[in-house]
């Protein structure tokens, strides 16, 4: 894919034309744009203090801010695609049974061959692709095709990229969490060792829910032997899967979908308890405080225990990051930076920041920013196997491929993530 990012030049705004296949060029353009942003934003702030606010200058700052967000998104997509290429190249299956299943599946996918249809379940058993239950019908896609689908979805879903992901063979995953309480004490060499308290365990249960896509192709297209079936199916279902997953991992209510990060009860961090997510306030009823607005971000950072801050990151929408990009600390330095050697991942207070537009915008009583050690905080469960049901009858002349996977998710450590609430 060879996209071009071409923000327009206007009143001195940095003009960008970067081939997104080259992340270094995009990063350099983004650094240049941020330097221009800082200079123009400082001028706008200085004019405001003098009572000489310039609407044109403010519009210029907003334009550059938007261009930086555009470049950041292009850079994230490019890095994700390059990572997918490096880690996910499809190859020939070494196991003969797996290769035989892949060839049979390809024939069935293209032609709906009844003779092949009769053998596919047996081939799944030989290739060790069977799962504990088969509620959906159809057949499991070959391993390399499943990898393609997962890889394409993974490049789109930010939560998949930053959270823990586990594959299971059943419908439910149960995890025991040690809540502490194991007793200990100091004793002398010859003193008795009385019994200590046992640790307290809590059980977390994660259920997988069905996610589906129903792409269609003409039989003529399927008859073309040159089409890469795995790549076609991966591209077709990726957007549907990624959009549904991404929204659920942030705000899903847990009913027939994963339970999202923002679906748990929020509570002021001073009153935090297990099962709830602590928050700190922004200091403003509809945004950040008028005085020292960056203090809220600092408070959010230190609301997280020190043991979790190593490996923690910020999560917010593009619109929110545009607002945070304007904030400065007490010394006048911008919180948002692009460190050298960061491969274009910006930081706030030295911690990486990732964007996901499923996070809410800044608004009264909303929670637009999360800060946490997401691999420890949130768990995504994939049930082994992506299943396809071929339907050539419903919508002639198209052949539909009803594609399903089982996905679950939820918070697994309520200490490991904190939220920013827009409130006084």
Protein backbone atom coordinates (compact mmCIF):
# COMPACT_ATOMS: atom_id res chain seq x y z
CA UNK A 1 0.00 0.00 0.00
CA UNK A 2 1.39 3.39 -0.94
CA UNK A 3 -0.64 6.19 0.62
CA UNK A 4 0.36 9.84 0.60
CA UNK A 5 -0.23 12.27 3.45
CA UNK A 6 -0.51 15.80 2.08
CA UNK A 7 -1.61 18.45 4.60
CA UNK A 8 -1.88 21.80 2.84
CA UNK A 9 0.46 24.76 3.26
CA UNK A 10 -1.22 27.83 4.71
CA UNK A 11 0.23 30.96 6.34
CA UNK A 12 3.57 29.36 7.13
CA UNK A 13 2.19 25.98 8.22
CA UNK A 14 4.62 23.16 7.54
CA UNK A 15 3.61 21.39 4.34
CA UNK A 16 3.97 17.61 4.47
CA UNK A 17 4.18 15.13 1.67
CA UNK A 18 5.48 11.86 3.11
CA UNK A 19 5.47 8.42 1.58
CA UNK A 20 3.98 6.32 4.39
CA UNK A 21 6.15 3.39 3.40
CA UNK A 22 9.05 5.31 4.99
CA UNK A 23 8.40 5.88 8.72
CA UNK A 24 11.64 7.85 9.09
CA UNK A 25 10.41 10.52 6.68
CA UNK A 26 7.07 10.77 8.45
CA UNK A 27 8.80 11.04 11.83
CA UNK A 28 11.07 13.82 10.61
CA UNK A 29 8.08 15.70 9.18
CA UNK A 30 6.21 15.24 12.46
CA UNK A 31 9.13 16.60 14.50
CA UNK A 32 9.35 19.63 12.19
CA UNK A 33 5.62 20.21 12.49
CA UNK A 34 5.78 20.00 16.29
CA UNK A 35 8.57 22.59 16.43
CA UNK A 36 6.39 24.90 14.32
CA UNK A 37 3.44 24.12 16.57
CA UNK A 38 5.36 25.04 19.73
CA UNK A 39 6.57 28.32 18.27
CA UNK A 40 3.14 29.38 17.05
CA UNK A 41 1.34 28.20 20.17
CA UNK A 42 3.78 30.14 22.37
CA UNK A 43 3.11 33.25 20.29
CA UNK A 44 -0.66 32.75 20.59
CA UNK A 45 -0.36 32.40 24.39
CA UNK A 46 1.84 35.49 24.62
CA UNK A 47 -0.65 37.52 22.57
CA UNK A 48 -3.48 36.28 24.77
CA UNK A 49 -1.69 37.46 27.92
CA UNK A 50 -1.24 40.89 26.33
CA UNK A 51 -4.94 41.05 25.48
CA UNK A 52 -4.09 40.87 21.78
CA UNK A 53 -5.59 37.49 20.89
CA UNK A 54 -5.30 36.83 17.15
CA UNK A 55 -7.97 34.58 15.64
CA UNK A 56 -5.80 33.88 12.61
CA UNK A 57 -2.89 32.82 14.85
CA UNK A 58 -5.17 30.51 16.83
CA UNK A 59 -6.47 28.94 13.63
CA UNK A 60 -2.90 28.41 12.50
CA UNK A 61 -2.03 26.58 15.73
CA UNK A 62 -5.09 24.36 15.38
CA UNK A 63 -4.16 23.57 11.79
CA UNK A 64 -0.66 22.48 12.72
CA UNK A 65 -2.07 20.45 15.62
CA UNK A 66 -4.38 18.64 13.20
CA UNK A 67 -1.49 17.98 10.82
CA UNK A 68 0.56 16.42 13.62
CA UNK A 69 -2.36 14.12 14.44
CA UNK A 70 -2.63 13.15 10.77
CA UNK A 71 1.07 12.37 10.61
CA UNK A 72 0.90 10.41 13.87
CA UNK A 73 -1.91 8.26 12.52
CA UNK A 74 -0.02 7.62 9.29
CA UNK A 75 3.10 6.71 11.24
CA UNK A 76 1.19 4.32 13.53
CA UNK A 77 -0.35 2.58 10.52
CA UNK A 78 3.01 2.31 8.77
CA UNK A 79 4.78 0.88 11.82
CA UNK A 80 1.93 -1.59 12.32
CA UNK A 81 2.09 -2.76 8.71
CA UNK A 82 5.86 -3.16 8.83
CA UNK A 83 5.58 -5.12 12.08
CA UNK A 84 2.97 -7.38 10.49
CA UNK A 85 5.23 -8.03 7.51
CA UNK A 86 8.18 -8.84 9.78
CA UNK A 87 6.27 -11.21 12.07
CA UNK A 88 3.49 -12.68 10.02
CA UNK A 89 4.69 -13.90 6.68
CA UNK A 90 2.58 -16.86 5.59
CA UNK A 91 4.56 -19.91 4.66
CA UNK A 92 3.96 -23.48 3.67
CA UNK A 93 2.78 -25.61 6.54
CA UNK A 94 5.41 -28.13 7.61
CA UNK A 95 2.83 -30.65 8.88
CA UNK A 96 1.48 -32.70 5.92
CA UNK A 97 -1.94 -32.97 7.58
CA UNK A 98 -2.12 -29.19 7.97
CA UNK A 99 -1.07 -28.70 4.33
CA UNK A 100 -3.68 -31.21 3.16
CA UNK A 101 -6.38 -29.43 5.15
CA UNK A 102 -5.32 -26.08 3.66
CA UNK A 103 -5.56 -27.45 0.09
CA UNK A 104 -8.98 -28.99 0.76
CA UNK A 105 -10.26 -25.80 2.40
CA UNK A 106 -9.10 -23.73 -0.58
CA UNK A 107 -11.00 -26.03 -2.97
CA UNK A 108 -14.13 -25.94 -0.81
CA UNK A 109 -13.90 -22.15 -0.45
CA UNK A 110 -13.73 -21.63 -4.21
CA UNK A 111 -16.12 -24.33 -5.46
CA UNK A 112 -18.15 -25.64 -2.54
CA UNK A 113 -17.11 -29.13 -3.64
CA UNK A 114 -19.40 -31.67 -1.95
CA UNK A 115 -16.76 -34.40 -2.06
CA UNK A 116 -14.33 -32.11 -0.26
CA UNK A 117 -17.09 -31.00 2.08
CA UNK A 118 -17.49 -34.56 3.32
CA UNK A 119 -13.78 -34.85 4.15
CA UNK A 120 -13.06 -31.48 5.77
CA UNK A 121 -14.12 -32.40 9.31
CA UNK A 122 -11.93 -35.49 9.19
CA UNK A 123 -9.04 -33.40 7.91
CA UNK A 124 -9.54 -30.95 10.78
CA UNK A 125 -9.10 -33.81 13.22
CA UNK A 126 -5.95 -35.00 11.43
CA UNK A 127 -4.54 -31.48 11.45
CA UNK A 128 -5.36 -31.06 15.18
CA UNK A 129 -7.59 -28.07 14.37
CA UNK A 130 -10.69 -29.23 16.20
CA UNK A 131 -12.11 -27.26 19.11
CA UNK A 132 -14.15 -28.41 22.09
CA UNK A 133 -17.47 -27.48 20.54
CA UNK A 134 -18.82 -26.60 17.11
CA UNK A 135 -21.86 -24.35 17.55
CA UNK A 136 -21.43 -22.38 14.35
CA UNK A 137 -21.17 -24.99 11.63
CA UNK A 138 -18.81 -24.50 8.73
CA UNK A 139 -15.09 -25.25 8.91
CA UNK A 140 -12.05 -23.86 10.63
CA UNK A 141 -9.82 -21.79 8.40
CA UNK A 142 -6.24 -23.07 7.89
CA UNK A 143 -3.60 -21.87 10.32
CA UNK A 144 -1.88 -19.48 7.91
CA UNK A 145 -5.25 -17.94 6.98
CA UNK A 146 -6.18 -17.49 10.64
CA UNK A 147 -2.80 -15.84 11.21
CA UNK A 148 -3.48 -13.44 8.34
CA UNK A 149 -6.88 -12.47 9.78
CA UNK A 150 -5.53 -12.04 13.32
CA UNK A 151 -2.56 -10.08 12.03
CA UNK A 152 -4.65 -7.66 9.98
CA UNK A 153 -7.08 -7.12 12.87
CA UNK A 154 -4.17 -6.67 15.25
CA UNK A 155 -2.73 -3.80 13.23
CA UNK A 156 -6.02 -1.89 13.60
CA UNK A 157 -7.05 -2.56 17.20
CA UNK A 158 -4.99 -0.47 19.64
CA UNK A 159 -6.27 -2.42 22.66
CA UNK A 160 -5.04 -5.65 21.09
CA UNK A 161 -1.64 -4.06 20.69
CA UNK A 162 -1.26 -2.86 24.29
CA UNK A 163 -3.18 -5.49 26.29
CA UNK A 164 -2.50 -9.12 27.16
CA UNK A 165 -3.95 -11.55 24.60
CA UNK A 166 -4.53 -15.24 25.34
CA UNK A 167 -5.87 -18.05 23.14
CA UNK A 168 -8.00 -20.76 24.76
CA UNK A 169 -9.76 -23.85 23.43
CA UNK A 170 -12.99 -23.56 25.43
CA UNK A 171 -15.60 -20.83 25.89
CA UNK A 172 -14.50 -19.63 29.34
CA UNK A 173 -11.25 -18.71 31.03
CA UNK A 174 -11.06 -18.59 34.83
CA UNK A 175 -8.27 -16.80 36.63
CA UNK A 176 -7.49 -16.70 40.34
CA UNK A 177 -6.07 -13.43 41.66
CA UNK A 178 -4.11 -13.26 44.91
CA UNK A 179 -5.55 -10.41 46.95
CA UNK A 180 -2.77 -10.65 49.55
CA UNK A 181 -3.26 -11.62 53.15
CA UNK A 182 -0.51 -14.21 53.45
CA UNK A 183 0.96 -13.75 56.91
CA UNK A 184 4.66 -13.50 57.72
CA UNK A 185 6.80 -12.49 60.67
CA UNK A 186 10.23 -12.39 62.21
CA UNK A 187 11.33 -15.07 64.70
CA UNK A 188 14.46 -15.96 66.58
CA UNK A 189 16.50 -19.07 65.87
CA UNK A 190 14.82 -21.18 68.56
CA UNK A 191 11.42 -19.55 68.74
CA UNK A 192 8.17 -21.24 67.69
CA UNK A 193 6.75 -20.60 64.25
CA UNK A 194 3.00 -20.05 64.72
CA UNK A 195 0.64 -20.58 61.79
CA UNK A 196 0.21 -17.53 59.57
CA UNK A 197 -2.86 -16.31 57.70
CA UNK A 198 -3.62 -17.87 54.31
CA UNK A 199 -3.71 -15.68 51.19
CA UNK A 200 -7.08 -14.47 49.92
CA UNK A 201 -7.95 -15.47 46.36
CA UNK A 202 -10.58 -13.99 44.05
CA UNK A 203 -11.88 -15.63 40.92
CA UNK A 204 -12.21 -13.76 37.63
CA UNK A 205 -14.22 -15.38 34.84
CA UNK A 206 -13.85 -14.29 31.21
CA UNK A 207 -16.42 -15.57 28.72
CA UNK A 208 -15.95 -15.54 24.96
CA UNK A 209 -18.68 -14.02 22.78
CA UNK A 210 -19.31 -14.51 19.08
CA UNK A 211 -18.05 -11.89 16.66
CA UNK A 212 -19.02 -12.24 13.02
CA UNK A 213 -18.51 -10.81 9.56
CA UNK A 214 -20.31 -11.81 6.35
CA UNK A 215 -18.22 -10.80 3.31
CA UNK A 216 -19.36 -11.75 -0.19
CA UNK A 217 -17.65 -12.47 -3.50
CA UNK A 218 -18.86 -13.44 -6.93
CA UNK A 219 -18.25 -16.98 -8.10
CA UNK A 220 -16.31 -15.57 -11.04
CA UNK A 221 -13.84 -13.95 -8.68
CA UNK A 222 -13.50 -17.16 -6.69
CA UNK A 223 -12.81 -19.09 -9.87
CA UNK A 224 -9.73 -16.94 -10.43
CA UNK A 225 -6.90 -19.15 -9.27
CA UNK A 226 -4.62 -16.17 -8.72
CA UNK A 227 -6.59 -14.65 -5.86
CA UNK A 228 -5.06 -15.22 -2.43
CA UNK A 229 -8.08 -16.50 -0.52
CA UNK A 230 -6.48 -16.02 2.88
CA UNK A 231 -5.48 -12.43 2.17
CA UNK A 232 -8.88 -11.63 0.65
CA UNK A 233 -10.79 -13.00 3.61
CA UNK A 234 -8.42 -11.33 6.05
CA UNK A 235 -8.88 -7.94 4.42
CA UNK A 236 -12.65 -8.35 4.16
CA UNK A 237 -13.27 -9.28 7.78
CA UNK A 238 -10.52 -7.13 9.32
CA UNK A 239 -12.43 -3.86 9.35
CA UNK A 240 -15.63 -5.43 10.66
CA UNK A 241 -13.83 -7.39 13.37
CA UNK A 242 -11.52 -4.52 14.34
CA UNK A 243 -14.29 -1.91 14.62
CA UNK A 244 -16.51 -4.16 16.74
CA UNK A 245 -13.65 -5.35 18.94
CA UNK A 246 -12.16 -1.90 19.39
CA UNK A 247 -15.45 -0.42 20.61
CA UNK A 248 -16.16 -3.38 22.90
CA UNK A 249 -12.72 -3.37 24.53
CA UNK A 250 -13.27 0.28 25.53
CA UNK A 251 -16.99 0.52 26.34
CA UNK A 252 -18.63 -2.90 25.82
CA UNK A 253 -21.20 -3.76 28.49
CA UNK A 254 -20.30 -7.44 28.72
CA UNK A 255 -23.65 -8.58 27.27
CA UNK A 256 -22.87 -10.69 24.19
CA UNK A 257 -19.60 -8.79 23.89
CA UNK A 258 -16.44 -8.18 25.94
CA UNK A 259 -16.64 -5.92 28.98
CA UNK A 260 -14.81 -2.71 28.16
CA UNK A 261 -12.32 -0.72 30.16
CA UNK A 262 -14.88 2.05 30.82
CA UNK A 263 -17.73 -0.31 31.70
CA UNK A 264 -16.58 -0.88 35.28
CA UNK A 265 -17.65 1.33 38.17
CA UNK A 266 -15.37 4.38 38.44
CA UNK A 267 -14.59 5.70 41.89
CA UNK A 268 -12.46 8.55 43.25
CA UNK A 269 -8.96 7.15 43.61
CA UNK A 270 -8.86 7.92 47.33
CA UNK A 271 -11.82 5.50 47.76
CA UNK A 272 -10.60 2.84 45.34
CA UNK A 273 -11.58 -0.79 45.98
CA UNK A 274 -11.06 -3.99 44.00
CA UNK A 275 -13.61 -4.35 41.20
CA UNK A 276 -13.69 -0.60 40.56
CA UNK A 277 -11.39 1.73 38.60
CA UNK A 278 -9.96 4.77 40.35
CA UNK A 279 -10.05 8.22 38.80
CA UNK A 280 -8.64 11.69 39.40
CA UNK A 281 -10.36 14.90 38.36
CA UNK A 282 -9.28 17.30 35.63
CA UNK A 283 -9.97 20.41 37.72
CA UNK A 284 -12.41 21.94 35.22
CA UNK A 285 -16.13 21.29 34.78
CA UNK A 286 -15.85 20.90 30.99
CA UNK A 287 -12.11 20.47 30.47
CA UNK A 288 -8.81 21.10 32.18
CA UNK A 289 -8.37 23.69 34.93
CA UNK A 290 -7.78 27.25 33.83
CA UNK A 291 -4.70 27.50 36.08
CA UNK A 292 -1.99 24.83 35.90
CA UNK A 293 -4.02 22.48 33.66
CA UNK A 294 -1.12 20.04 33.37
CA UNK A 295 -1.41 19.20 37.08
CA UNK A 296 -4.28 16.82 36.30
CA UNK A 297 -2.06 14.74 34.00
CA UNK A 298 0.66 14.66 36.66
CA UNK A 299 -1.88 13.61 39.31
CA UNK A 300 -3.16 10.87 37.00
CA UNK A 301 0.37 9.54 36.49
CA UNK A 302 1.10 9.31 40.19
CA UNK A 303 -2.30 7.85 41.02
CA UNK A 304 -0.89 4.62 39.62
CA UNK A 305 1.33 2.68 42.01
CA UNK A 306 5.04 2.81 41.28
CA UNK A 307 5.18 -0.91 40.48
CA UNK A 308 2.78 -0.40 37.59
CA UNK A 309 4.23 2.83 36.18
CA UNK A 310 7.16 0.99 34.65
CA UNK A 311 5.53 -0.21 31.42
CA UNK A 312 2.51 2.08 31.69
CA UNK A 313 1.12 4.20 28.86
CA UNK A 314 -1.60 6.76 28.19
CA UNK A 315 -4.69 5.99 26.11
CA UNK A 316 -6.89 8.71 24.59
CA UNK A 317 -8.59 9.79 21.38
CA UNK A 318 -6.91 11.91 18.69
CA UNK A 319 -9.06 14.88 19.66
CA UNK A 320 -8.01 14.60 23.30
CA UNK A 321 -4.36 14.26 22.36
CA UNK A 322 -4.69 17.46 20.35
CA UNK A 323 -5.75 19.24 23.53
CA UNK A 324 -3.08 17.62 25.71
CA UNK A 325 -0.42 18.57 23.15
CA UNK A 326 -0.91 22.22 24.18
CA UNK A 327 -0.27 21.62 27.90
CA UNK A 328 2.96 22.70 29.61
CA UNK A 329 4.51 21.82 32.94
CA UNK A 330 5.47 24.36 35.62
CA UNK A 331 8.76 25.09 33.84
CA UNK A 332 7.04 25.93 30.56
CA UNK A 333 8.03 22.67 28.82
CA UNK A 334 5.42 20.86 26.74
CA UNK A 335 4.20 17.57 28.24
CA UNK A 336 3.86 15.99 24.78
CA UNK A 337 7.17 15.10 23.16
CA UNK A 338 8.71 12.90 20.46
CA UNK A 339 11.85 11.45 22.04
CA UNK A 340 14.80 10.45 19.91
CA UNK A 341 14.77 6.73 19.16
CA UNK A 342 11.05 6.40 19.95
CA UNK A 343 10.10 5.32 16.39
CA UNK A 344 7.51 8.06 16.43
CA UNK A 345 5.62 6.99 19.55
CA UNK A 346 4.99 10.28 21.39
CA UNK A 347 5.30 10.50 25.15
CA UNK A 348 3.61 12.46 27.91
CA UNK A 349 5.76 12.87 31.02
CA UNK A 350 8.07 10.26 29.53
CA UNK A 351 5.34 7.63 29.12
CA UNK A 352 4.12 6.42 25.69
CA UNK A 353 0.74 7.67 24.53
CA UNK A 354 -1.53 5.67 22.21
CA UNK A 355 -4.66 6.89 20.48
CA UNK A 356 -7.98 5.11 20.13
CA UNK A 357 -10.98 7.07 18.89
CA UNK A 358 -13.30 4.77 20.83
CA UNK A 359 -12.19 6.71 23.91
CA UNK A 360 -14.62 9.57 24.64
CA UNK A 361 -13.84 13.19 23.82
CA UNK A 362 -13.31 15.79 26.52
CA UNK A 363 -16.68 16.62 28.04
CA UNK A 364 -18.31 17.12 31.41
CA UNK A 365 -18.16 13.96 33.57
CA UNK A 366 -16.53 11.93 30.78
CA UNK A 367 -13.39 9.82 31.13
CA UNK A 368 -11.29 10.76 28.08
CA UNK A 369 -7.86 9.55 29.31
CA UNK A 370 -6.71 6.26 30.78
CA UNK A 371 -3.25 5.67 32.20
CA UNK A 372 -2.19 2.18 33.05
CA UNK A 373 -0.01 -0.83 32.65
CA UNK A 374 -2.35 -2.32 30.08
CA UNK A 375 -0.68 -5.75 29.70
CA UNK A 376 -1.36 -6.25 33.41
CA UNK A 377 -4.67 -4.37 33.48
CA UNK A 378 -6.69 -5.76 30.56
CA UNK A 379 -6.98 -9.30 29.20
CA UNK A 380 -8.31 -10.27 25.77
CA UNK A 381 -9.37 -13.88 25.27
CA UNK A 382 -9.51 -15.51 21.83
CA UNK A 383 -11.13 -18.90 21.46
CA UNK A 384 -9.00 -21.04 19.18
CA UNK A 385 -10.23 -21.19 15.61
CA UNK A 386 -11.92 -18.88 13.11
CA UNK A 387 -14.82 -20.62 11.40
CA UNK A 388 -16.31 -20.02 7.96
CA UNK A 389 -19.74 -21.10 6.69
CA UNK A 390 -20.11 -20.93 2.89
CA UNK A 391 -23.48 -19.64 1.67
CA UNK A 392 -24.01 -19.56 -2.13
CA UNK A 393 -27.83 -19.47 -1.93
CA UNK A 394 -28.99 -16.40 0.01
CA UNK A 395 -27.85 -13.65 -2.33
CA UNK A 396 -27.18 -14.99 -5.82
CA UNK A 397 -24.88 -14.41 -7.71
CA UNK A 398 -22.78 -13.66 -4.62
CA UNK A 399 -21.29 -16.28 -2.35
CA UNK A 400 -21.30 -15.19 1.29
CA UNK A 401 -18.75 -16.37 3.81
CA UNK A 402 -20.23 -16.15 7.29
CA UNK A 403 -17.05 -15.83 9.35
CA UNK A 404 -17.09 -16.10 13.15
CA UNK A 405 -14.61 -16.00 15.99
CA UNK A 406 -15.06 -16.08 19.75
CA UNK A 407 -13.63 -13.14 21.68
CA UNK A 408 -13.82 -12.03 25.28
CA UNK A 409 -12.18 -9.40 27.38
CA UNK A 410 -12.16 -7.54 30.65
CA UNK A 411 -10.08 -5.95 33.35
CA UNK A 412 -7.90 -8.51 35.11
CA UNK A 413 -6.11 -6.16 37.52
CA UNK A 414 -8.07 -3.19 38.83
CA UNK A 415 -4.98 -1.64 40.43
CA UNK A 416 -3.12 -1.38 37.14
CA UNK A 417 -5.15 1.36 35.41
CA UNK A 418 -6.51 4.79 36.36
CA UNK A 419 -8.82 7.25 34.61
CA UNK A 420 -9.06 11.02 34.26
CA UNK A 421 -12.55 12.41 34.88
CA UNK A 422 -13.56 15.79 33.51
CA UNK A 423 -14.88 17.43 36.68
CA UNK A 424 -13.99 20.07 39.25
